[in-house]
C-alpha cells in the first residue's frame, strides 16, 4: 500500500486506518515522491491525493499507468473535487476508484481491500 498526500494529518489518518487492517503501508508526500516510492516498494494499491505540489495526482496517475513497471498498480484518487468532469478525467486516466473528501475510512478500507483482491470484511 502506498499512501500519497501532501497533508501530514490526512496521510497519517489513512496510513493508521490501513495499518490497523493489516496492510503494510508506505507513504509519499507528493506525486514525484510517489513515483519513486512505487518503483521501490511495488505496492498493490496507491491512494493519490489530487491537489499536491511538484506533481499533482492527475499527472502521477498518468505516469503510473504509462510506466510498464507500475502500470498494474491499482489507483484510488482522493479529492475534495467531486465534479463530474473530475470523476470522468480519473476514468479516462484509468484510475480504479475515485473517493471524495471527506471520506468514510470504512469505505476507503473496503475499496482498498477489494482492489488488493482481499475478501470483504465487515469493518463497521
PDB file of N, CA and C in Angstrom:
ATOM      1  N   UNK A   1       0.843  -1.166   0.000  1.00  0.00           N
ATOM      2  CA  UNK A   1       0.000   0.000   0.000  1.00  0.00           C
ATOM      3  C   UNK A   1       0.889   1.231   0.000  1.00  0.00           C
ATOM      4  N   UNK A   2       0.561   2.185  -0.855  1.00  0.00           N
ATOM      5  CA  UNK A   2       1.277   3.459  -0.868  1.00  0.00           C
ATOM      6  C   UNK A   2       0.253   4.565  -0.714  1.00  0.00           C
ATOM      7  N   UNK A   3       0.423   5.382   0.313  1.00  0.00           N
ATOM      8  CA  UNK A   3      -0.481   6.497   0.604  1.00  0.00           C
ATOM      9  C   UNK A   3       0.233   7.787   0.244  1.00  0.00           C
ATOM     10  N   UNK A   4      -0.373   8.557  -0.662  1.00  0.00           N
ATOM     11  CA  UNK A   4       0.253   9.777  -1.160  1.00  0.00           C
ATOM     12  C   UNK A   4      -0.651  10.968  -0.871  1.00  0.00           C
ATOM     13  N   UNK A   5      -0.159  11.876  -0.033  1.00  0.00           N
ATOM     14  CA  UNK A   5      -0.900  13.099   0.289  1.00  0.00           C
ATOM     15  C   UNK A   5       0.087  14.105   0.854  1.00  0.00           C
ATOM     16  N   UNK A   6      -0.041  15.357   0.444  1.00  0.00           N
ATOM     17  CA  UNK A   6       0.868  16.388   0.947  1.00  0.00           C
ATOM     18  C   UNK A   6       0.479  16.871   2.334  1.00  0.00           C
ATOM     19  N   UNK A   7      -0.713  16.516   2.812  1.00  0.00           N
ATOM     20  CA  UNK A   7      -1.178  16.903   4.141  1.00  0.00           C
ATOM     21  C   UNK A   7      -0.797  15.805   5.136  1.00  0.00           C
ATOM     22  N   UNK A   8       0.078  16.156   6.102  1.00  0.00           N
ATOM     23  CA  UNK A   8       0.568  15.179   7.076  1.00  0.00           C
ATOM     24  C   UNK A   8      -0.551  14.480   7.835  1.00  0.00           C
ATOM     25  N   UNK A   9      -1.564  15.242   8.242  1.00  0.00           N
ATOM     26  CA  UNK A   9      -2.651  14.691   9.060  1.00  0.00           C
ATOM     27  C   UNK A   9      -3.458  13.671   8.254  1.00  0.00           C
ATOM     28  N   UNK A  10      -3.801  14.007   7.035  1.00  0.00           N
ATOM     29  CA  UNK A  10      -4.579  13.084   6.202  1.00  0.00           C
ATOM     30  C   UNK A  10      -3.759  11.846   5.862  1.00  0.00           C
ATOM     31  N   UNK A  11      -2.486  12.048   5.530  1.00  0.00           N
ATOM     32  CA  UNK A  11      -1.615  10.922   5.206  1.00  0.00           C
ATOM     33  C   UNK A  11      -1.534   9.963   6.403  1.00  0.00           C
ATOM     34  N   UNK A  12      -1.386  10.518   7.595  1.00  0.00           N
ATOM     35  CA  UNK A  12      -1.303   9.702   8.815  1.00  0.00           C
ATOM     36  C   UNK A  12      -2.632   8.999   9.098  1.00  0.00           C
ATOM     37  N   UNK A  13      -3.743   9.699   8.923  1.00  0.00           N
ATOM     38  CA  UNK A  13      -5.073   9.121   9.166  1.00  0.00           C
ATOM     39  C   UNK A  13      -5.291   7.905   8.261  1.00  0.00           C
ATOM     40  N   UNK A  14      -4.998   8.068   6.986  1.00  0.00           N
ATOM     41  CA  UNK A  14      -5.181   6.965   6.039  1.00  0.00           C
ATOM     42  C   UNK A  14      -4.240   5.816   6.403  1.00  0.00           C
ATOM     43  N   UNK A  15      -2.990   6.137   6.672  1.00  0.00           N
ATOM     44  CA  UNK A  15      -1.999   5.106   6.992  1.00  0.00           C
ATOM     45  C   UNK A  15      -2.398   4.291   8.216  1.00  0.00           C
ATOM     46  N   UNK A  16      -2.789   4.966   9.276  1.00  0.00           N
ATOM     47  CA  UNK A  16      -3.156   4.273  10.517  1.00  0.00           C
ATOM     48  C   UNK A  16      -4.353   3.358  10.284  1.00  0.00           C
ATOM     49  N   UNK A  17      -5.370   3.853   9.582  1.00  0.00           N
ATOM     50  CA  UNK A  17      -6.555   3.028   9.319  1.00  0.00           C
ATOM     51  C   UNK A  17      -6.197   1.776   8.525  1.00  0.00           C
ATOM     52  N   UNK A  18      -5.327   1.920   7.545  1.00  0.00           N
ATOM     53  CA  UNK A  18      -4.942   0.764   6.731  1.00  0.00           C
ATOM     54  C   UNK A  18      -4.020  -0.183   7.493  1.00  0.00           C
ATOM     55  N   UNK A  19      -3.127   0.368   8.315  1.00  0.00           N
ATOM     56  CA  UNK A  19      -2.255  -0.474   9.133  1.00  0.00           C
ATOM     57  C   UNK A  19      -3.071  -1.303  10.121  1.00  0.00           C
ATOM     58  N   UNK A  20      -4.124  -0.706  10.685  1.00  0.00           N
ATOM     59  CA  UNK A  20      -4.989  -1.440  11.612  1.00  0.00           C
ATOM     60  C   UNK A  20      -5.686  -2.603  10.924  1.00  0.00           C
ATOM     61  N   UNK A  21      -5.829  -2.533   9.606  1.00  0.00           N
ATOM     62  CA  UNK A  21      -6.423  -3.618   8.829  1.00  0.00           C
ATOM     63  C   UNK A  21      -5.384  -4.636   8.373  1.00  0.00           C
ATOM     64  N   UNK A  22      -4.130  -4.421   8.758  1.00  0.00           N
ATOM     65  CA  UNK A  22      -3.090  -5.379   8.442  1.00  0.00           C
ATOM     66  C   UNK A  22      -2.277  -5.084   7.192  1.00  0.00           C
ATOM     67  N   UNK A  23      -2.509  -3.927   6.584  1.00  0.00           N
ATOM     68  CA  UNK A  23      -1.743  -3.567   5.390  1.00  0.00           C
ATOM     69  C   UNK A  23      -0.358  -3.050   5.765  1.00  0.00           C
ATOM     70  N   UNK A  24       0.617  -3.375   4.945  1.00  0.00           N
ATOM     71  CA  UNK A  24       1.934  -2.741   5.025  1.00  0.00           C
ATOM     72  C   UNK A  24       1.801  -1.423   4.272  1.00  0.00           C
ATOM     73  N   UNK A  25       2.035  -0.317   4.967  1.00  0.00           N
ATOM     74  CA  UNK A  25       1.791   0.997   4.375  1.00  0.00           C
ATOM     75  C   UNK A  25       3.083   1.789   4.250  1.00  0.00           C
ATOM     76  N   UNK A  26       3.302   2.317   3.056  1.00  0.00           N
ATOM     77  CA  UNK A  26       4.384   3.246   2.773  1.00  0.00           C
ATOM     78  C   UNK A  26       3.739   4.569   2.416  1.00  0.00           C
ATOM     79  N   UNK A  27       4.481   5.664   2.577  1.00  0.00           N
ATOM     80  CA  UNK A  27       3.897   6.968   2.297  1.00  0.00           C
ATOM     81  C   UNK A  27       4.783   7.778   1.363  1.00  0.00           C
ATOM     82  N   UNK A  28       4.151   8.759   0.731  1.00  0.00           N
ATOM     83  CA  UNK A  28       4.841   9.719  -0.120  1.00  0.00           C
ATOM     84  C   UNK A  28       4.145  11.064   0.041  1.00  0.00           C
ATOM     85  N   UNK A  29       4.922  12.146  -0.134  1.00  0.00           N
ATOM     86  CA  UNK A  29       4.398  13.483   0.160  1.00  0.00           C
ATOM     87  C   UNK A  29       3.906  14.241  -1.069  1.00  0.00           C
ATOM     88  N   UNK A  30       4.195  13.748  -2.276  1.00  0.00           N
ATOM     89  CA  UNK A  30       3.685  14.373  -3.490  1.00  0.00           C
ATOM     90  C   UNK A  30       3.830  13.387  -4.640  1.00  0.00           C
ATOM     91  N   UNK A  31       3.423  13.799  -5.828  1.00  0.00           N
ATOM     92  CA  UNK A  31       3.430  12.902  -6.969  1.00  0.00           C
ATOM     93  C   UNK A  31       4.802  12.399  -7.370  1.00  0.00           C
ATOM     94  N   UNK A  32       5.800  13.263  -7.340  1.00  0.00           N
ATOM     95  CA  UNK A  32       7.156  12.822  -7.702  1.00  0.00           C
ATOM     96  C   UNK A  32       7.680  11.796  -6.707  1.00  0.00           C
ATOM     97  N   UNK A  33       7.464  12.072  -5.434  1.00  0.00           N
ATOM     98  CA  UNK A  33       7.852  11.141  -4.380  1.00  0.00           C
ATOM     99  C   UNK A  33       7.119   9.808  -4.579  1.00  0.00           C
ATOM    100  N   UNK A  34       5.847   9.877  -4.968  1.00  0.00           N
ATOM    101  CA  UNK A  34       5.036   8.678  -5.180  1.00  0.00           C
ATOM    102  C   UNK A  34       5.612   7.797  -6.287  1.00  0.00           C
ATOM    103  N   UNK A  35       6.046   8.418  -7.376  1.00  0.00           N
ATOM    104  CA  UNK A  35       6.597   7.636  -8.490  1.00  0.00           C
ATOM    105  C   UNK A  35       7.857   6.883  -8.060  1.00  0.00           C
ATOM    106  N   UNK A  36       8.723   7.555  -7.313  1.00  0.00           N
ATOM    107  CA  UNK A  36       9.938   6.912  -6.811  1.00  0.00           C
ATOM    108  C   UNK A  36       9.598   5.771  -5.854  1.00  0.00           C
ATOM    109  N   UNK A  37       8.694   6.059  -4.910  1.00  0.00           N
ATOM    110  CA  UNK A  37       8.336   5.050  -3.897  1.00  0.00           C
ATOM    111  C   UNK A  37       7.658   3.843  -4.536  1.00  0.00           C
ATOM    112  N   UNK A  38       6.817   4.082  -5.543  1.00  0.00           N
ATOM    113  CA  UNK A  38       6.110   2.974  -6.190  1.00  0.00           C
ATOM    114  C   UNK A  38       7.091   2.011  -6.842  1.00  0.00           C
ATOM    115  N   UNK A  39       8.158   2.541  -7.415  1.00  0.00           N
ATOM    116  CA  UNK A  39       9.168   1.675  -8.033  1.00  0.00           C
ATOM    117  C   UNK A  39       9.984   0.923  -6.969  1.00  0.00           C
ATOM    118  N   UNK A  40      10.120   1.527  -5.787  1.00  0.00           N
ATOM    119  CA  UNK A  40      10.889   0.890  -4.707  1.00  0.00           C
ATOM    120  C   UNK A  40      10.104  -0.212  -3.997  1.00  0.00           C
ATOM    121  N   UNK A  41       8.845   0.080  -3.655  1.00  0.00           N
ATOM    122  CA  UNK A  41       8.097  -0.818  -2.762  1.00  0.00           C
ATOM    123  C   UNK A  41       7.084  -1.712  -3.480  1.00  0.00           C
ATOM    124  N   UNK A  42       6.812  -1.457  -4.753  1.00  0.00           N
ATOM    125  CA  UNK A  42       5.893  -2.271  -5.557  1.00  0.00           C
ATOM    126  C   UNK A  42       4.547  -2.485  -4.868  1.00  0.00           C
ATOM    127  N   UNK A  43       3.805  -1.407  -4.604  1.00  0.00           N
ATOM    128  CA  UNK A  43       2.519  -1.547  -3.912  1.00  0.00           C
ATOM    129  C   UNK A  43       1.467  -2.180  -4.819  1.00  0.00           C
ATOM    130  N   UNK A  44       0.495  -2.844  -4.205  1.00  0.00           N
ATOM    131  CA  UNK A  44      -0.653  -3.364  -4.953  1.00  0.00           C
ATOM    132  C   UNK A  44      -1.639  -2.240  -5.232  1.00  0.00           C
ATOM    133  N   UNK A  45      -1.746  -1.300  -4.259  1.00  0.00           N
ATOM    134  CA  UNK A  45      -2.707  -0.202  -4.355  1.00  0.00           C
ATOM    135  C   UNK A  45      -2.024   1.100  -3.936  1.00  0.00           C
ATOM    136  N   UNK A  46      -2.367   2.192  -4.640  1.00  0.00           N
ATOM    137  CA  UNK A  46      -1.886   3.532  -4.290  1.00  0.00           C
ATOM    138  C   UNK A  46      -3.098   4.428  -4.088  1.00  0.00           C
ATOM    139  N   UNK A  47      -3.121   5.158  -2.964  1.00  0.00           N
ATOM    140  CA  UNK A  47      -4.115   6.224  -2.808  1.00  0.00           C
ATOM    141  C   UNK A  47      -3.409   7.526  -3.131  1.00  0.00           C
ATOM    142  N   UNK A  48      -4.011   8.310  -4.008  1.00  0.00           N
ATOM    143  CA  UNK A  48      -3.381   9.530  -4.504  1.00  0.00           C
ATOM    144  C   UNK A  48      -4.276  10.738  -4.266  1.00  0.00           C
ATOM    145  N   UNK A  49      -3.787  11.697  -3.515  1.00  0.00           N
ATOM    146  CA  UNK A  49      -4.460  12.987  -3.434  1.00  0.00           C
ATOM    147  C   UNK A  49      -4.287  13.657  -4.801  1.00  0.00           C
ATOM    148  N   UNK A  50      -5.211  14.504  -5.182  1.00  0.00           N
ATOM    149  CA  UNK A  50      -5.082  15.172  -6.483  1.00  0.00           C
ATOM    150  C   UNK A  50      -4.296  16.466  -6.375  1.00  0.00           C
ATOM    151  N   UNK A  51      -4.652  17.315  -5.430  1.00  0.00           N
ATOM    152  CA  UNK A  51      -4.019  18.625  -5.328  1.00  0.00           C
ATOM    153  C   UNK A  51      -2.765  18.542  -4.459  1.00  0.00           C
ATOM    154  N   UNK A  52      -1.593  18.431  -5.145  1.00  0.00           N
ATOM    155  CA  UNK A  52      -0.311  18.341  -4.443  1.00  0.00           C
ATOM    156  C   UNK A  52       0.728  19.189  -5.172  1.00  0.00           C
ATOM    157  N   UNK A  53       1.758  19.633  -4.449  1.00  0.00           N
ATOM    158  CA  UNK A  53       2.834  20.392  -5.098  1.00  0.00           C
ATOM    159  C   UNK A  53       3.726  19.481  -5.945  1.00  0.00           C
ATOM    160  N   UNK A  54       4.552  20.086  -6.757  1.00  0.00           N
ATOM    161  CA  UNK A  54       5.530  19.434  -7.642  1.00  0.00           C
ATOM    162  C   UNK A  54       4.876  18.594  -8.736  1.00  0.00           C
ATOM    163  N   UNK A  55       4.086  17.605  -8.382  1.00  0.00           N
ATOM    164  CA  UNK A  55       3.390  16.782  -9.369  1.00  0.00           C
ATOM    165  C   UNK A  55       2.049  16.382  -8.763  1.00  0.00           C
ATOM    166  N   UNK A  56       0.963  16.806  -9.411  1.00  0.00           N
ATOM    167  CA  UNK A  56      -0.354  16.527  -8.833  1.00  0.00           C
ATOM    168  C   UNK A  56      -0.767  15.068  -9.073  1.00  0.00           C
ATOM    169  N   UNK A  57      -1.877  14.704  -8.458  1.00  0.00           N
ATOM    170  CA  UNK A  57      -2.359  13.328  -8.554  1.00  0.00           C
ATOM    171  C   UNK A  57      -2.743  12.913  -9.960  1.00  0.00           C
ATOM    172  N   UNK A  58      -3.259  13.863 -10.759  1.00  0.00           N
ATOM    173  CA  UNK A  58      -3.614  13.543 -12.155  1.00  0.00           C
ATOM    174  C   UNK A  58      -2.382  13.059 -12.912  1.00  0.00           C
ATOM    175  N   UNK A  59      -1.319  13.871 -12.852  1.00  0.00           N
ATOM    176  CA  UNK A  59      -0.101  13.533 -13.588  1.00  0.00           C
ATOM    177  C   UNK A  59       0.587  12.300 -13.009  1.00  0.00           C
ATOM    178  N   UNK A  60       0.541  12.163 -11.684  1.00  0.00           N
ATOM    179  CA  UNK A  60       1.147  10.982 -11.067  1.00  0.00           C
ATOM    180  C   UNK A  60       0.414   9.716 -11.515  1.00  0.00           C
ATOM    181  N   UNK A  61      -0.923   9.763 -11.559  1.00  0.00           N
ATOM    182  CA  UNK A  61      -1.697   8.605 -12.014  1.00  0.00           C
ATOM    183  C   UNK A  61      -1.371   8.272 -13.466  1.00  0.00           C
ATOM    184  N   UNK A  62      -1.279   9.305 -14.304  1.00  0.00           N
ATOM    185  CA  UNK A  62      -0.958   9.084 -15.714  1.00  0.00           C
ATOM    186  C   UNK A  62       0.424   8.447 -15.871  1.00  0.00           C
ATOM    187  N   UNK A  63       1.382   8.904 -15.081  1.00  0.00           N
ATOM    188  CA  UNK A  63       2.741   8.355 -15.174  1.00  0.00           C
ATOM    189  C   UNK A  63       2.809   6.927 -14.637  1.00  0.00           C
ATOM    190  N   UNK A  64       2.049   6.662 -13.566  1.00  0.00           N
ATOM    191  CA  UNK A  64       1.998   5.288 -13.051  1.00  0.00           C
ATOM    192  C   UNK A  64       1.457   4.347 -14.136  1.00  0.00           C
ATOM    193  N   UNK A  65       0.413   4.785 -14.830  1.00  0.00           N
ATOM    194  CA  UNK A  65      -0.202   3.975 -15.874  1.00  0.00           C
ATOM    195  C   UNK A  65       0.712   3.780 -17.088  1.00  0.00           C
ATOM    196  N   UNK A  66       1.521   4.788 -17.405  1.00  0.00           N
ATOM    197  CA  UNK A  66       2.339   4.711 -18.618  1.00  0.00           C
ATOM    198  C   UNK A  66       3.668   3.977 -18.404  1.00  0.00           C
ATOM    199  N   UNK A  67       4.045   3.728 -17.154  1.00  0.00           N
ATOM    200  CA  UNK A  67       5.297   3.041 -16.845  1.00  0.00           C
ATOM    201  C   UNK A  67       5.017   1.540 -16.721  1.00  0.00           C
ATOM    202  N   UNK A  68       5.629   0.707 -17.581  1.00  0.00           N
ATOM    203  CA  UNK A  68       5.373  -0.737 -17.511  1.00  0.00           C
ATOM    204  C   UNK A  68       5.623  -1.337 -16.128  1.00  0.00           C
ATOM    205  N   UNK A  69       6.522  -0.729 -15.363  1.00  0.00           N
ATOM    206  CA  UNK A  69       6.841  -1.250 -14.031  1.00  0.00           C
ATOM    207  C   UNK A  69       5.725  -0.993 -13.021  1.00  0.00           C
ATOM    208  N   UNK A  70       4.892   0.026 -13.268  1.00  0.00           N
ATOM    209  CA  UNK A  70       3.829   0.377 -12.312  1.00  0.00           C
ATOM    210  C   UNK A  70       2.432   0.375 -12.936  1.00  0.00           C
ATOM    211  N   UNK A  71       2.315   0.014 -14.193  1.00  0.00           N
ATOM    212  CA  UNK A  71       1.028   0.089 -14.895  1.00  0.00           C
ATOM    213  C   UNK A  71      -0.054  -0.782 -14.254  1.00  0.00           C
ATOM    214  N   UNK A  72       0.344  -1.864 -13.587  1.00  0.00           N
ATOM    215  CA  UNK A  72      -0.610  -2.792 -12.976  1.00  0.00           C
ATOM    216  C   UNK A  72      -1.138  -2.319 -11.618  1.00  0.00           C
ATOM    217  N   UNK A  73      -0.506  -1.330 -11.024  1.00  0.00           N
ATOM    218  CA  UNK A  73      -0.880  -0.877  -9.678  1.00  0.00           C
ATOM    219  C   UNK A  73      -2.286  -0.282  -9.698  1.00  0.00           C
ATOM    220  N   UNK A  74      -3.090  -0.674  -8.728  1.00  0.00           N
ATOM    221  CA  UNK A  74      -4.445  -0.129  -8.594  1.00  0.00           C
ATOM    222  C   UNK A  74      -4.332   1.270  -8.000  1.00  0.00           C
ATOM    223  N   UNK A  75      -5.098   2.225  -8.556  1.00  0.00           N
ATOM    224  CA  UNK A  75      -5.015   3.619  -8.133  1.00  0.00           C
ATOM    225  C   UNK A  75      -6.368   4.111  -7.632  1.00  0.00           C
ATOM    226  N   UNK A  76      -6.367   4.682  -6.422  1.00  0.00           N
ATOM    227  CA  UNK A  76      -7.544   5.324  -5.849  1.00  0.00           C
ATOM    228  C   UNK A  76      -7.238   6.809  -5.748  1.00  0.00           C
ATOM    229  N   UNK A  77      -8.000   7.637  -6.451  1.00  0.00           N
ATOM    230  CA  UNK A  77      -7.842   9.084  -6.335  1.00  0.00           C
ATOM    231  C   UNK A  77      -8.680   9.584  -5.179  1.00  0.00           C
ATOM    232  N   UNK A  78      -8.106  10.464  -4.366  1.00  0.00           N
ATOM    233  CA  UNK A  78      -8.809  11.091  -3.239  1.00  0.00           C
ATOM    234  C   UNK A  78      -8.801  12.593  -3.461  1.00  0.00           C
ATOM    235  N   UNK A  79      -9.980  13.206  -3.431  1.00  0.00           N
ATOM    236  CA  UNK A  79     -10.019  14.644  -3.668  1.00  0.00           C
ATOM    237  C   UNK A  79     -11.276  15.274  -3.123  1.00  0.00           C
ATOM    238  N   UNK A  80     -11.156  16.539  -2.772  1.00  0.00           N
ATOM    239  CA  UNK A  80     -12.323  17.327  -2.410  1.00  0.00           C
ATOM    240  C   UNK A  80     -13.091  17.736  -3.663  1.00  0.00           C
ATOM    241  N   UNK A  81     -12.461  17.575  -4.822  1.00  0.00           N
ATOM    242  CA  UNK A  81     -13.091  17.927  -6.101  1.00  0.00           C
ATOM    243  C   UNK A  81     -14.017  16.789  -6.519  1.00  0.00           C
ATOM    244  N   UNK A  82     -15.315  17.057  -6.483  1.00  0.00           N
ATOM    245  CA  UNK A  82     -16.281  15.997  -6.763  1.00  0.00           C
ATOM    246  C   UNK A  82     -17.111  16.274  -8.009  1.00  0.00           C
ATOM    247  N   UNK A  83     -16.659  17.206  -8.853  1.00  0.00           N
ATOM    248  CA  UNK A  83     -17.409  17.495 -10.065  1.00  0.00           C
ATOM    249  C   UNK A  83     -17.359  16.304 -11.009  1.00  0.00           C
ATOM    250  N   UNK A  84     -18.411  16.158 -11.802  1.00  0.00           N
ATOM    251  CA  UNK A  84     -18.496  15.056 -12.759  1.00  0.00           C
ATOM    252  C   UNK A  84     -17.296  15.043 -13.709  1.00  0.00           C
ATOM    253  N   UNK A  85     -16.830  16.233 -14.111  1.00  0.00           N
ATOM    254  CA  UNK A  85     -15.684  16.319 -15.025  1.00  0.00           C
ATOM    255  C   UNK A  85     -14.429  15.717 -14.389  1.00  0.00           C
ATOM    256  N   UNK A  86     -14.263  15.898 -13.071  1.00  0.00           N
ATOM    257  CA  UNK A  86     -13.102  15.338 -12.380  1.00  0.00           C
ATOM    258  C   UNK A  86     -13.183  13.814 -12.342  1.00  0.00           C
ATOM    259  N   UNK A  87     -14.361  13.298 -12.057  1.00  0.00           N
ATOM    260  CA  UNK A  87     -14.552  11.858 -11.997  1.00  0.00           C
ATOM    261  C   UNK A  87     -14.312  11.238 -13.376  1.00  0.00           C
ATOM    262  N   UNK A  88     -14.811  11.899 -14.415  1.00  0.00           N
ATOM    263  CA  UNK A  88     -14.600  11.406 -15.785  1.00  0.00           C
ATOM    264  C   UNK A  88     -13.118  11.470 -16.164  1.00  0.00           C
ATOM    265  N   UNK A  89     -12.434  12.519 -15.733  1.00  0.00           N
ATOM    266  CA  UNK A  89     -10.999  12.628 -16.022  1.00  0.00           C
ATOM    267  C   UNK A  89     -10.250  11.465 -15.396  1.00  0.00           C
ATOM    268  N   UNK A  90     -10.597  11.132 -14.155  1.00  0.00           N
ATOM    269  CA  UNK A  90      -9.986   9.984 -13.492  1.00  0.00           C
ATOM    270  C   UNK A  90     -10.245   8.694 -14.256  1.00  0.00           C
ATOM    271  N   UNK A  91     -11.454   8.545 -14.743  1.00  0.00           N
ATOM    272  CA  UNK A  91     -11.806   7.358 -15.512  1.00  0.00           C
ATOM    273  C   UNK A  91     -10.989   7.277 -16.802  1.00  0.00           C
ATOM    274  N   UNK A  92     -10.829   8.410 -17.476  1.00  0.00           N
ATOM    275  CA  UNK A  92     -10.023   8.439 -18.707  1.00  0.00           C
ATOM    276  C   UNK A  92      -8.569   8.060 -18.430  1.00  0.00           C
ATOM    277  N   UNK A  93      -8.075   8.428 -17.249  1.00  0.00           N
ATOM    278  CA  UNK A  93      -6.698   8.089 -16.885  1.00  0.00           C
ATOM    279  C   UNK A  93      -6.547   6.615 -16.506  1.00  0.00           C
ATOM    280  N   UNK A  94      -7.670   5.953 -16.304  1.00  0.00           N
ATOM    281  CA  UNK A  94      -7.618   4.538 -15.948  1.00  0.00           C
ATOM    282  C   UNK A  94      -7.502   4.274 -14.461  1.00  0.00           C
ATOM    283  N   UNK A  95      -7.888   5.263 -13.631  1.00  0.00           N
ATOM    284  CA  UNK A  95      -7.842   5.004 -12.189  1.00  0.00           C
ATOM    285  C   UNK A  95      -8.922   3.991 -11.827  1.00  0.00           C
ATOM    286  N   UNK A  96      -8.721   3.294 -10.740  1.00  0.00           N
ATOM    287  CA  UNK A  96      -9.616   2.202 -10.368  1.00  0.00           C
ATOM    288  C   UNK A  96     -10.775   2.640  -9.481  1.00  0.00           C
ATOM    289  N   UNK A  97     -10.585   3.746  -8.761  1.00  0.00           N
ATOM    290  CA  UNK A  97     -11.663   4.256  -7.899  1.00  0.00           C
ATOM    291  C   UNK A  97     -11.416   5.724  -7.599  1.00  0.00           C
ATOM    292  N   UNK A  98     -12.500   6.465  -7.353  1.00  0.00           N
ATOM    293  CA  UNK A  98     -12.430   7.884  -7.047  1.00  0.00           C
ATOM    294  C   UNK A  98     -13.233   8.111  -5.781  1.00  0.00           C
ATOM    295  N   UNK A  99     -12.587   8.582  -4.727  1.00  0.00           N
ATOM    296  CA  UNK A  99     -13.271   8.902  -3.468  1.00  0.00           C
ATOM    297  C   UNK A  99     -13.165  10.389  -3.211  1.00  0.00           C
ATOM    298  N   UNK A 100     -14.268  10.980  -2.774  1.00  0.00           N
ATOM    299  CA  UNK A 100     -14.230  12.408  -2.475  1.00  0.00           C
ATOM    300  C   UNK A 100     -14.037  12.629  -0.979  1.00  0.00           C
ATOM    301  N   UNK A 101     -13.262  13.669  -0.655  1.00  0.00           N
ATOM    302  CA  UNK A 101     -13.041  14.079   0.734  1.00  0.00           C
ATOM    303  C   UNK A 101     -14.186  14.992   1.149  1.00  0.00           C
ATOM    304  N   UNK A 102     -14.629  14.913   2.381  1.00  0.00           N
ATOM    305  CA  UNK A 102     -14.203  13.937   3.387  1.00  0.00           C
ATOM    306  C   UNK A 102     -14.765  12.559   3.050  1.00  0.00           C
ATOM    307  N   UNK A 103     -13.995  11.535   3.308  1.00  0.00           N
ATOM    308  CA  UNK A 103     -14.427  10.178   3.003  1.00  0.00           C
ATOM    309  C   UNK A 103     -14.572   9.391   4.296  1.00  0.00           C
ATOM    310  N   UNK A 104     -15.361   8.336   4.236  1.00  0.00           N
ATOM    311  CA  UNK A 104     -15.550   7.435   5.367  1.00  0.00           C
ATOM    312  C   UNK A 104     -14.373   6.446   5.366  1.00  0.00           C
ATOM    313  N   UNK A 105     -13.585   6.404   6.446  1.00  0.00           N
ATOM    314  CA  UNK A 105     -12.449   5.471   6.475  1.00  0.00           C
ATOM    315  C   UNK A 105     -12.856   4.018   6.187  1.00  0.00           C
ATOM    316  N   UNK A 106     -14.046   3.618   6.639  1.00  0.00           N
ATOM    317  CA  UNK A 106     -14.505   2.254   6.369  1.00  0.00           C
ATOM    318  C   UNK A 106     -14.697   2.026   4.870  1.00  0.00           C
ATOM    319  N   UNK A 107     -15.186   3.049   4.176  1.00  0.00           N
ATOM    320  CA  UNK A 107     -15.368   2.930   2.729  1.00  0.00           C
ATOM    321  C   UNK A 107     -14.007   2.810   2.034  1.00  0.00           C
ATOM    322  N   UNK A 108     -13.045   3.616   2.477  1.00  0.00           N
ATOM    323  CA  UNK A 108     -11.706   3.542   1.898  1.00  0.00           C
ATOM    324  C   UNK A 108     -11.109   2.152   2.106  1.00  0.00           C
ATOM    325  N   UNK A 109     -11.243   1.616   3.301  1.00  0.00           N
ATOM    326  CA  UNK A 109     -10.719   0.280   3.597  1.00  0.00           C
ATOM    327  C   UNK A 109     -11.379  -0.762   2.702  1.00  0.00           C
ATOM    328  N   UNK A 110     -12.696  -0.671   2.538  1.00  0.00           N
ATOM    329  CA  UNK A 110     -13.405  -1.638   1.686  1.00  0.00           C
ATOM    330  C   UNK A 110     -12.921  -1.554   0.239  1.00  0.00           C
ATOM    331  N   UNK A 111     -12.727  -0.341  -0.262  1.00  0.00           N
ATOM    332  CA  UNK A 111     -12.244  -0.150  -1.632  1.00  0.00           C
ATOM    333  C   UNK A 111     -10.839  -0.736  -1.782  1.00  0.00           C
ATOM    334  N   UNK A 112      -9.956  -0.436  -0.839  1.00  0.00           N
ATOM    335  CA  UNK A 112      -8.585  -0.917  -0.908  1.00  0.00           C
ATOM    336  C   UNK A 112      -8.546  -2.447  -0.824  1.00  0.00           C
ATOM    337  N   UNK A 113      -9.328  -3.015   0.071  1.00  0.00           N
ATOM    338  CA  UNK A 113      -9.377  -4.487   0.194  1.00  0.00           C
ATOM    339  C   UNK A 113      -9.817  -5.107  -1.129  1.00  0.00           C
ATOM    340  N   UNK A 114     -10.856  -4.537  -1.730  1.00  0.00           N
ATOM    341  CA  UNK A 114     -11.374  -5.080  -2.991  1.00  0.00           C
ATOM    342  C   UNK A 114     -10.319  -4.980  -4.086  1.00  0.00           C
ATOM    343  N   UNK A 115      -9.683  -3.815  -4.204  1.00  0.00           N
ATOM    344  CA  UNK A 115      -8.678  -3.627  -5.243  1.00  0.00           C
ATOM    345  C   UNK A 115      -7.440  -4.495  -5.025  1.00  0.00           C
ATOM    346  N   UNK A 116      -7.143  -4.789  -3.769  1.00  0.00           N
ATOM    347  CA  UNK A 116      -5.993  -5.638  -3.451  1.00  0.00           C
ATOM    348  C   UNK A 116      -6.333  -7.128  -3.600  1.00  0.00           C
ATOM    349  N   UNK A 117      -7.604  -7.416  -3.929  1.00  0.00           N
ATOM    350  CA  UNK A 117      -8.002  -8.803  -4.119  1.00  0.00           C
ATOM    351  C   UNK A 117      -8.283  -9.548  -2.833  1.00  0.00           C
ATOM    352  N   UNK A 118      -8.545  -8.794  -1.769  1.00  0.00           N
ATOM    353  CA  UNK A 118      -8.838  -9.417  -0.471  1.00  0.00           C
ATOM    354  C   UNK A 118     -10.353  -9.512  -0.274  1.00  0.00           C
ATOM    355  N   UNK A 119     -10.812 -10.496   0.497  1.00  0.00           N
ATOM    356  CA  UNK A 119     -12.257 -10.621   0.722  1.00  0.00           C
ATOM    357  C   UNK A 119     -12.791  -9.447   1.534  1.00  0.00           C
ATOM    358  N   UNK A 120     -14.038  -9.080   1.253  1.00  0.00           N
ATOM    359  CA  UNK A 120     -14.682  -8.024   2.030  1.00  0.00           C
ATOM    360  C   UNK A 120     -14.899  -8.531   3.454  1.00  0.00           C
ATOM    361  N   UNK A 121     -14.713  -7.631   4.383  1.00  0.00           N
ATOM    362  CA  UNK A 121     -14.988  -7.937   5.779  1.00  0.00           C
ATOM    363  C   UNK A 121     -15.876  -6.847   6.326  1.00  0.00           C
ATOM    364  N   UNK A 122     -16.662  -7.204   7.321  1.00  0.00           N
ATOM    365  CA  UNK A 122     -17.485  -6.181   7.980  1.00  0.00           C
ATOM    366  C   UNK A 122     -16.569  -5.370   8.875  1.00  0.00           C
ATOM    367  N   UNK A 123     -16.284  -4.117   8.456  1.00  0.00           N
ATOM    368  CA  UNK A 123     -15.371  -3.277   9.231  1.00  0.00           C
ATOM    369  C   UNK A 123     -16.132  -2.278  10.076  1.00  0.00           C
ATOM    370  N   UNK A 124     -17.436  -2.454  10.198  1.00  0.00           N
ATOM    371  CA  UNK A 124     -18.240  -1.493  10.934  1.00  0.00           C
ATOM    372  C   UNK A 124     -18.393  -1.870  12.297  1.00  0.00           C
TER     373      UNK A 124
END
